[in-house]
Amino acid sequence: ADDKVEAQAKKGGTGELKLRVVDKEDFARMQVLGQFNLGFIIARLGKDLYILDQHACDEKYRFETLQQSTIINTQPLVVPKKMELET
């Protein structure tokens, strides 16, 4: 699920939607055709055409890289100590 992207595409003008599953490896095989609106990449994979949100792709890549390279150090919770106070 994490290494796959689901995309819906119209099938031949029938209005019927066809589900596509794109693996991460597929992105490396995509041919970039161009960019528009300063934020979207047009790419082709076989006979399929894709519009990729450039900023979302970059954010996903950075997040996954950070997850792989970050080690989170933890410490046990502090146990509260009872104190008697006078009024």
PDB file of N, CA and C in Angstrom:
ATOM      1  N   ALA A   1       0.823  -1.193   0.000  1.00  0.00           N
ATOM      2  CA  ALA A   1       0.000   0.000   0.000  1.00  0.00           C
ATOM      3  C   ALA A   1       0.870   1.261   0.000  1.00  0.00           C
ATOM      4  N   ASP A   2       1.947   1.300   0.818  1.00  0.00           N
ATOM      5  CA  ASP A   2       2.787   2.484   0.867  1.00  0.00           C
ATOM      6  C   ASP A   2       3.632   2.646  -0.390  1.00  0.00           C
ATOM      7  N   ASP A   3       3.966   1.549  -1.045  1.00  0.00           N
ATOM      8  CA  ASP A   3       4.830   1.641  -2.213  1.00  0.00           C
ATOM      9  C   ASP A   3       4.042   1.621  -3.518  1.00  0.00           C
ATOM     10  N   LYS A   4       2.732   1.817  -3.437  1.00  0.00           N
ATOM     11  CA  LYS A   4       1.903   1.857  -4.635  1.00  0.00           C
ATOM     12  C   LYS A   4       1.009   3.096  -4.596  1.00  0.00           C
ATOM     13  N   VAL A   5       0.690   3.594  -5.765  1.00  0.00           N
ATOM     14  CA  VAL A   5      -0.199   4.740  -5.891  1.00  0.00           C
ATOM     15  C   VAL A   5      -1.373   4.301  -6.747  1.00  0.00           C
ATOM     16  N   GLU A   6      -2.577   4.594  -6.290  1.00  0.00           N
ATOM     17  CA  GLU A   6      -3.748   4.248  -7.076  1.00  0.00           C
ATOM     18  C   GLU A   6      -4.188   5.482  -7.857  1.00  0.00           C
ATOM     19  N   ALA A   7      -4.466   5.304  -9.133  1.00  0.00           N
ATOM     20  CA  ALA A   7      -4.897   6.404  -9.981  1.00  0.00           C
ATOM     21  C   ALA A   7      -6.116   5.968 -10.779  1.00  0.00           C
ATOM     22  N   GLN A   8      -7.028   6.885 -10.990  1.00  0.00           N
ATOM     23  CA  GLN A   8      -8.194   6.589 -11.797  1.00  0.00           C
ATOM     24  C   GLN A   8      -8.068   7.319 -13.125  1.00  0.00           C
ATOM     25  N   ALA A   9      -8.433   6.667 -14.205  1.00  0.00           N
ATOM     26  CA  ALA A   9      -8.355   7.261 -15.530  1.00  0.00           C
ATOM     27  C   ALA A   9      -9.618   6.932 -16.310  1.00  0.00           C
ATOM     28  N   LYS A  10     -10.089   7.888 -17.119  1.00  0.00           N
ATOM     29  CA  LYS A  10     -11.254   7.623 -17.956  1.00  0.00           C
ATOM     30  C   LYS A  10     -10.865   6.664 -19.062  1.00  0.00           C
ATOM     31  N   LYS A  11     -11.754   5.758 -19.363  1.00  0.00           N
ATOM     32  CA  LYS A  11     -11.475   4.737 -20.373  1.00  0.00           C
ATOM     33  C   LYS A  11     -12.191   5.103 -21.672  1.00  0.00           C
ATOM     34  N   GLY A  12     -11.410   5.484 -22.663  1.00  0.00           N
ATOM     35  CA  GLY A  12     -11.880   5.681 -24.021  1.00  0.00           C
ATOM     36  C   GLY A  12     -13.175   6.436 -24.227  1.00  0.00           C
ATOM     37  N   GLY A  13     -13.453   7.481 -23.469  1.00  0.00           N
ATOM     38  CA  GLY A  13     -14.626   8.297 -23.695  1.00  0.00           C
ATOM     39  C   GLY A  13     -15.933   7.662 -23.245  1.00  0.00           C
ATOM     40  N   THR A  14     -15.882   6.495 -22.650  1.00  0.00           N
ATOM     41  CA  THR A  14     -17.112   5.834 -22.213  1.00  0.00           C
ATOM     42  C   THR A  14     -17.585   6.380 -20.875  1.00  0.00           C
ATOM     43  N   GLY A  15     -16.740   7.150 -20.212  1.00  0.00           N
ATOM     44  CA  GLY A  15     -17.074   7.658 -18.892  1.00  0.00           C
ATOM     45  C   GLY A  15     -16.793   6.654 -17.794  1.00  0.00           C
ATOM     46  N   GLU A  16     -16.426   5.455 -18.181  1.00  0.00           N
ATOM     47  CA  GLU A  16     -16.115   4.395 -17.230  1.00  0.00           C
ATOM     48  C   GLU A  16     -14.720   4.631 -16.657  1.00  0.00           C
ATOM     49  N   LEU A  17     -14.582   4.525 -15.345  1.00  0.00           N
ATOM     50  CA  LEU A  17     -13.284   4.733 -14.713  1.00  0.00           C
ATOM     51  C   LEU A  17     -12.537   3.412 -14.588  1.00  0.00           C
ATOM     52  N   LYS A  18     -11.260   3.466 -14.871  1.00  0.00           N
ATOM     53  CA  LYS A  18     -10.412   2.283 -14.778  1.00  0.00           C
ATOM     54  C   LYS A  18      -9.364   2.541 -13.706  1.00  0.00           C
ATOM     55  N   LEU A  19      -9.207   1.615 -12.784  1.00  0.00           N
ATOM     56  CA  LEU A  19      -8.255   1.773 -11.695  1.00  0.00           C
ATOM     57  C   LEU A  19      -6.871   1.325 -12.147  1.00  0.00           C
ATOM     58  N   ARG A  20      -5.875   2.172 -11.894  1.00  0.00           N
ATOM     59  CA  ARG A  20      -4.486   1.851 -12.211  1.00  0.00           C
ATOM     60  C   ARG A  20      -3.699   1.821 -10.906  1.00  0.00           C
ATOM     61  N   VAL A  21      -2.795   0.877 -10.784  1.00  0.00           N
ATOM     62  CA  VAL A  21      -1.892   0.824  -9.642  1.00  0.00           C
ATOM     63  C   VAL A  21      -0.490   1.076 -10.179  1.00  0.00           C
ATOM     64  N   VAL A  22       0.158   2.105  -9.634  1.00  0.00           N
ATOM     65  CA  VAL A  22       1.485   2.500 -10.080  1.00  0.00           C
ATOM     66  C   VAL A  22       2.461   2.217  -8.942  1.00  0.00           C
ATOM     67  N   ASP A  23       3.479   1.389  -9.211  1.00  0.00           N
ATOM     68  CA  ASP A  23       4.521   1.104  -8.224  1.00  0.00           C
ATOM     69  C   ASP A  23       5.542   2.239  -8.220  1.00  0.00           C
ATOM     70  N   LYS A  24       6.289   2.351  -7.132  1.00  0.00           N
ATOM     71  CA  LYS A  24       7.329   3.382  -7.059  1.00  0.00           C
ATOM     72  C   LYS A  24       8.333   3.243  -8.195  1.00  0.00           C
ATOM     73  N   GLU A  25       8.623   2.005  -8.569  1.00  0.00           N
ATOM     74  CA  GLU A  25       9.577   1.773  -9.652  1.00  0.00           C
ATOM     75  C   GLU A  25       9.075   2.345 -10.976  1.00  0.00           C
ATOM     76  N   ASP A  26       7.755   2.418 -11.130  1.00  0.00           N
ATOM     77  CA  ASP A  26       7.167   2.969 -12.354  1.00  0.00           C
ATOM     78  C   ASP A  26       7.507   4.441 -12.536  1.00  0.00           C
ATOM     79  N   PHE A  27       7.634   5.176 -11.434  1.00  0.00           N
ATOM     80  CA  PHE A  27       7.951   6.600 -11.534  1.00  0.00           C
ATOM     81  C   PHE A  27       9.321   6.808 -12.172  1.00  0.00           C
ATOM     82  N   ALA A  28      10.260   5.931 -11.883  1.00  0.00           N
ATOM     83  CA  ALA A  28      11.595   6.040 -12.475  1.00  0.00           C
ATOM     84  C   ALA A  28      11.555   5.754 -13.976  1.00  0.00           C
ATOM     85  N   ARG A  29      10.586   4.979 -14.414  1.00  0.00           N
ATOM     86  CA  ARG A  29      10.467   4.639 -15.835  1.00  0.00           C
ATOM     87  C   ARG A  29       9.650   5.660 -16.623  1.00  0.00           C
ATOM     88  N   MET A  30       8.988   6.585 -15.928  1.00  0.00           N
ATOM     89  CA  MET A  30       8.162   7.581 -16.614  1.00  0.00           C
ATOM     90  C   MET A  30       9.024   8.534 -17.429  1.00  0.00           C
ATOM     91  N   GLN A  31       8.510   8.908 -18.581  1.00  0.00           N
ATOM     92  CA  GLN A  31       9.185   9.885 -19.439  1.00  0.00           C
ATOM     93  C   GLN A  31       8.544  11.238 -19.175  1.00  0.00           C
ATOM     94  N   VAL A  32       9.335  12.199 -18.721  1.00  0.00           N
ATOM     95  CA  VAL A  32       8.825  13.542 -18.447  1.00  0.00           C
ATOM     96  C   VAL A  32       8.654  14.265 -19.772  1.00  0.00           C
ATOM     97  N   LEU A  33       7.440  14.761 -20.011  1.00  0.00           N
ATOM     98  CA  LEU A  33       7.136  15.468 -21.253  1.00  0.00           C
ATOM     99  C   LEU A  33       7.214  16.978 -21.084  1.00  0.00           C
ATOM    100  N   GLY A  34       6.937  17.446 -19.868  1.00  0.00           N
ATOM    101  CA  GLY A  34       6.981  18.882 -19.639  1.00  0.00           C
ATOM    102  C   GLY A  34       6.406  19.255 -18.288  1.00  0.00           C
ATOM    103  N   GLN A  35       6.283  20.560 -18.097  1.00  0.00           N
ATOM    104  CA  GLN A  35       5.775  21.118 -16.843  1.00  0.00           C
ATOM    105  C   GLN A  35       4.794  22.220 -17.206  1.00  0.00           C
ATOM    106  N   PHE A  36       3.760  22.395 -16.393  1.00  0.00           N
ATOM    107  CA  PHE A  36       2.866  23.525 -16.607  1.00  0.00           C
ATOM    108  C   PHE A  36       2.431  24.106 -15.272  1.00  0.00           C
ATOM    109  N   ASN A  37       2.031  25.356 -15.321  1.00  0.00           N
ATOM    110  CA  ASN A  37       1.511  26.075 -14.154  1.00  0.00           C
ATOM    111  C   ASN A  37       2.491  26.078 -12.979  1.00  0.00           C
ATOM    112  N   LEU A  38       3.777  25.999 -13.260  1.00  0.00           N
ATOM    113  CA  LEU A  38       4.849  26.063 -12.254  1.00  0.00           C
ATOM    114  C   LEU A  38       4.686  25.073 -11.107  1.00  0.00           C
ATOM    115  N   GLY A  39       3.984  23.963 -11.325  1.00  0.00           N
ATOM    116  CA  GLY A  39       3.834  23.038 -10.214  1.00  0.00           C
ATOM    117  C   GLY A  39       3.379  21.646 -10.603  1.00  0.00           C
ATOM    118  N   PHE A  40       3.156  21.420 -11.893  1.00  0.00           N
ATOM    119  CA  PHE A  40       2.687  20.110 -12.320  1.00  0.00           C
ATOM    120  C   PHE A  40       3.603  19.568 -13.407  1.00  0.00           C
ATOM    121  N   ILE A  41       3.894  18.282 -13.320  1.00  0.00           N
ATOM    122  CA  ILE A  41       4.747  17.621 -14.295  1.00  0.00           C
ATOM    123  C   ILE A  41       3.859  16.701 -15.137  1.00  0.00           C
ATOM    124  N   ILE A  42       4.026  16.779 -16.444  1.00  0.00           N
ATOM    125  CA  ILE A  42       3.326  15.881 -17.357  1.00  0.00           C
ATOM    126  C   ILE A  42       4.296  14.751 -17.693  1.00  0.00           C
ATOM    127  N   ALA A  43       3.880  13.507 -17.454  1.00  0.00           N
ATOM    128  CA  ALA A  43       4.752  12.361 -17.698  1.00  0.00           C
ATOM    129  C   ALA A  43       3.966  11.264 -18.408  1.00  0.00           C
ATOM    130  N   ARG A  44       4.709  10.414 -19.097  1.00  0.00           N
ATOM    131  CA  ARG A  44       4.088   9.314 -19.831  1.00  0.00           C
ATOM    132  C   ARG A  44       4.739   8.006 -19.389  1.00  0.00           C
ATOM    133  N   LEU A  45       3.908   7.004 -19.259  1.00  0.00           N
ATOM    134  CA  LEU A  45       4.383   5.648 -18.983  1.00  0.00           C
ATOM    135  C   LEU A  45       3.616   4.739 -19.926  1.00  0.00           C
ATOM    136  N   GLY A  46       4.293   4.252 -20.932  1.00  0.00           N
ATOM    137  CA  GLY A  46       3.609   3.463 -21.958  1.00  0.00           C
ATOM    138  C   GLY A  46       2.635   4.350 -22.710  1.00  0.00           C
ATOM    139  N   LYS A  47       1.383   3.924 -22.779  1.00  0.00           N
ATOM    140  CA  LYS A  47       0.353   4.711 -23.466  1.00  0.00           C
ATOM    141  C   LYS A  47      -0.392   5.643 -22.517  1.00  0.00           C
ATOM    142  N   ASP A  48      -0.065   5.587 -21.227  1.00  0.00           N
ATOM    143  CA  ASP A  48      -0.766   6.386 -20.224  1.00  0.00           C
ATOM    144  C   ASP A  48      -0.069   7.720 -19.992  1.00  0.00           C
ATOM    145  N   LEU A  49      -0.868   8.743 -19.756  1.00  0.00           N
ATOM    146  CA  LEU A  49      -0.380  10.091 -19.481  1.00  0.00           C
ATOM    147  C   LEU A  49      -0.721  10.424 -18.035  1.00  0.00           C
ATOM    148  N   TYR A  50       0.233  11.017 -17.315  1.00  0.00           N
ATOM    149  CA  TYR A  50       0.040  11.341 -15.899  1.00  0.00           C
ATOM    150  C   TYR A  50       0.326  12.813 -15.662  1.00  0.00           C
ATOM    151  N   ILE A  51      -0.451  13.410 -14.765  1.00  0.00           N
ATOM    152  CA  ILE A  51      -0.198  14.768 -14.282  1.00  0.00           C
ATOM    153  C   ILE A  51       0.213  14.619 -12.823  1.00  0.00           C
ATOM    154  N   LEU A  52       1.446  14.983 -12.521  1.00  0.00           N
ATOM    155  CA  LEU A  52       1.999  14.818 -11.177  1.00  0.00           C
ATOM    156  C   LEU A  52       2.120  16.173 -10.494  1.00  0.00           C
ATOM    157  N   ASP A  53       1.647  16.262  -9.267  1.00  0.00           N
ATOM    158  CA  ASP A  53       1.808  17.476  -8.476  1.00  0.00           C
ATOM    159  C   ASP A  53       3.261  17.499  -7.981  1.00  0.00           C
ATOM    160  N   GLN A  54       4.041  18.406  -8.545  1.00  0.00           N
ATOM    161  CA  GLN A  54       5.478  18.459  -8.270  1.00  0.00           C
ATOM    162  C   GLN A  54       5.757  18.658  -6.780  1.00  0.00           C
ATOM    163  N   HIS A  55       5.004  19.511  -6.135  1.00  0.00           N
ATOM    164  CA  HIS A  55       5.245  19.799  -4.714  1.00  0.00           C
ATOM    165  C   HIS A  55       4.855  18.613  -3.830  1.00  0.00           C
ATOM    166  N   ALA A  56       3.778  17.927  -4.166  1.00  0.00           N
ATOM    167  CA  ALA A  56       3.364  16.753  -3.393  1.00  0.00           C
ATOM    168  C   ALA A  56       4.382  15.621  -3.561  1.00  0.00           C
ATOM    169  N   CYS A  57       4.907  15.452  -4.778  1.00  0.00           N
ATOM    170  CA  CYS A  57       5.922  14.421  -5.018  1.00  0.00           C
ATOM    171  C   CYS A  57       7.182  14.716  -4.205  1.00  0.00           C
ATOM    172  N   ASP A  58       7.594  15.977  -4.194  1.00  0.00           N
ATOM    173  CA  ASP A  58       8.784  16.370  -3.443  1.00  0.00           C
ATOM    174  C   ASP A  58       8.570  16.167  -1.947  1.00  0.00           C
ATOM    175  N   GLU A  59       7.387  16.534  -1.452  1.00  0.00           N
ATOM    176  CA  GLU A  59       7.086  16.371  -0.025  1.00  0.00           C
ATOM    177  C   GLU A  59       7.088  14.896   0.367  1.00  0.00           C
ATOM    178  N   LYS A  60       6.501  14.050  -0.454  1.00  0.00           N
ATOM    179  CA  LYS A  60       6.465  12.604  -0.184  1.00  0.00           C
ATOM    180  C   LYS A  60       7.878  12.024  -0.160  1.00  0.00           C
ATOM    181  N   TYR A  61       8.702  12.423  -1.127  1.00  0.00           N
ATOM    182  CA  TYR A  61      10.080  11.937  -1.195  1.00  0.00           C
ATOM    183  C   TYR A  61      10.864  12.354   0.050  1.00  0.00           C
ATOM    184  N   ARG A  62      10.752  13.629   0.421  1.00  0.00           N
ATOM    185  CA  ARG A  62      11.486  14.127   1.599  1.00  0.00           C
ATOM    186  C   ARG A  62      11.028  13.451   2.878  1.00  0.00           C
ATOM    187  N   PHE A  63       9.717  13.237   3.021  1.00  0.00           N
ATOM    188  CA  PHE A  63       9.175  12.580   4.207  1.00  0.00           C
ATOM    189  C   PHE A  63       9.698  11.152   4.325  1.00  0.00           C
ATOM    190  N   GLU A  64       9.663  10.409   3.222  1.00  0.00           N
ATOM    191  CA  GLU A  64      10.134   9.020   3.259  1.00  0.00           C
ATOM    192  C   GLU A  64      11.632   8.946   3.513  1.00  0.00           C
ATOM    193  N   THR A  65      12.404   9.873   2.957  1.00  0.00           N
ATOM    194  CA  THR A  65      13.844   9.922   3.203  1.00  0.00           C
ATOM    195  C   THR A  65      14.116  10.219   4.675  1.00  0.00           C
ATOM    196  N   LEU A  66      13.368  11.148   5.233  1.00  0.00           N
ATOM    197  CA  LEU A  66      13.525  11.498   6.648  1.00  0.00           C
ATOM    198  C   LEU A  66      13.176  10.310   7.542  1.00  0.00           C
ATOM    199  N   GLN A  67      12.108   9.598   7.206  1.00  0.00           N
ATOM    200  CA  GLN A  67      11.712   8.421   7.984  1.00  0.00           C
ATOM    201  C   GLN A  67      12.813   7.363   8.000  1.00  0.00           C
ATOM    202  N   GLN A  68      13.468   7.155   6.868  1.00  0.00           N
ATOM    203  CA  GLN A  68      14.504   6.131   6.768  1.00  0.00           C
ATOM    204  C   GLN A  68      15.785   6.533   7.482  1.00  0.00           C
ATOM    205  N   SER A  69      16.071   7.825   7.559  1.00  0.00           N
ATOM    206  CA  SER A  69      17.356   8.261   8.091  1.00  0.00           C
ATOM    207  C   SER A  69      17.296   8.772   9.532  1.00  0.00           C
ATOM    208  N   THR A  70      16.108   8.859  10.100  1.00  0.00           N
ATOM    209  CA  THR A  70      15.971   9.418  11.443  1.00  0.00           C
ATOM    210  C   THR A  70      15.860   8.308  12.490  1.00  0.00           C
ATOM    211  N   ILE A  71      16.631   8.458  13.533  1.00  0.00           N
ATOM    212  CA  ILE A  71      16.543   7.551  14.675  1.00  0.00           C
ATOM    213  C   ILE A  71      15.976   8.361  15.832  1.00  0.00           C
ATOM    214  N   ILE A  72      14.884   7.900  16.381  1.00  0.00           N
ATOM    215  CA  ILE A  72      14.240   8.614  17.474  1.00  0.00           C
ATOM    216  C   ILE A  72      14.692   7.990  18.784  1.00  0.00           C
ATOM    217  N   ASN A  73      15.348   8.801  19.593  1.00  0.00           N
ATOM    218  CA  ASN A  73      15.765   8.351  20.919  1.00  0.00           C
ATOM    219  C   ASN A  73      14.630   8.603  21.896  1.00  0.00           C
ATOM    220  N   THR A  74      14.362   7.628  22.735  1.00  0.00           N
ATOM    221  CA  THR A  74      13.278   7.777  23.705  1.00  0.00           C
ATOM    222  C   THR A  74      13.838   7.686  25.114  1.00  0.00           C
ATOM    223  N   GLN A  75      13.059   8.167  26.028  1.00  0.00           N
ATOM    224  CA  GLN A  75      13.429   8.034  27.431  1.00  0.00           C
ATOM    225  C   GLN A  75      12.184   7.621  28.193  1.00  0.00           C
ATOM    226  N   PRO A  76      12.364   6.868  29.273  1.00  0.00           N
ATOM    227  CA  PRO A  76      11.192   6.444  30.048  1.00  0.00           C
ATOM    228  C   PRO A  76      10.505   7.644  30.688  1.00  0.00           C
ATOM    229  N   LEU A  77       9.223   7.477  30.913  1.00  0.00           N
ATOM    230  CA  LEU A  77       8.473   8.543  31.566  1.00  0.00           C
ATOM    231  C   LEU A  77       8.942   8.717  33.010  1.00  0.00           C
ATOM    232  N   VAL A  78       8.880   9.934  33.471  1.00  0.00           N
ATOM    233  CA  VAL A  78       9.270  10.228  34.846  1.00  0.00           C
ATOM    234  C   VAL A  78       8.142   9.764  35.770  1.00  0.00           C
ATOM    235  N   VAL A  79       8.522   9.073  36.844  1.00  0.00           N
ATOM    236  CA  VAL A  79       7.533   8.616  37.818  1.00  0.00           C
ATOM    237  C   VAL A  79       7.313   9.744  38.826  1.00  0.00           C
ATOM    238  N   PRO A  80       6.062  10.168  39.010  1.00  0.00           N
ATOM    239  CA  PRO A  80       5.813  11.267  39.955  1.00  0.00           C
ATOM    240  C   PRO A  80       6.124  10.855  41.398  1.00  0.00           C
ATOM    241  N   LYS A  81       6.586  11.811  42.171  1.00  0.00           N
ATOM    242  CA  LYS A  81       6.899  11.560  43.574  1.00  0.00           C
ATOM    243  C   LYS A  81       5.876  12.315  44.420  1.00  0.00           C
ATOM    244  N   LYS A  82       5.310  11.629  45.393  1.00  0.00           N
ATOM    245  CA  LYS A  82       4.314  12.257  46.261  1.00  0.00           C
ATOM    246  C   LYS A  82       5.012  13.202  47.229  1.00  0.00           C
ATOM    247  N   MET A  83       4.424  14.345  47.417  1.00  0.00           N
ATOM    248  CA  MET A  83       4.949  15.327  48.354  1.00  0.00           C
ATOM    249  C   MET A  83       3.830  15.755  49.284  1.00  0.00           C
ATOM    250  N   GLU A  84       4.171  15.871  50.529  1.00  0.00           N
ATOM    251  CA  GLU A  84       3.173  16.348  51.494  1.00  0.00           C
ATOM    252  C   GLU A  84       3.427  17.829  51.741  1.00  0.00           C
ATOM    253  N   LEU A  85       2.388  18.601  51.574  1.00  0.00           N
ATOM    254  CA  LEU A  85       2.500  20.056  51.750  1.00  0.00           C
ATOM    255  C   LEU A  85       1.592  20.492  52.889  1.00  0.00           C
ATOM    256  N   GLU A  86       2.054  21.489  53.642  1.00  0.00           N
ATOM    257  CA  GLU A  86       1.245  22.028  54.726  1.00  0.00           C
ATOM    258  C   GLU A  86       0.566  23.285  54.246  1.00  0.00           C
ATOM    259  N   THR A  87      -0.638  23.509  54.756  1.00  0.00           N
ATOM    260  CA  THR A  87      -1.369  24.733  54.393  1.00  0.00           C
ATOM    261  C   THR A  87      -1.311  25.769  55.456  1.00  0.00           C
TER     262      THR A  87
END
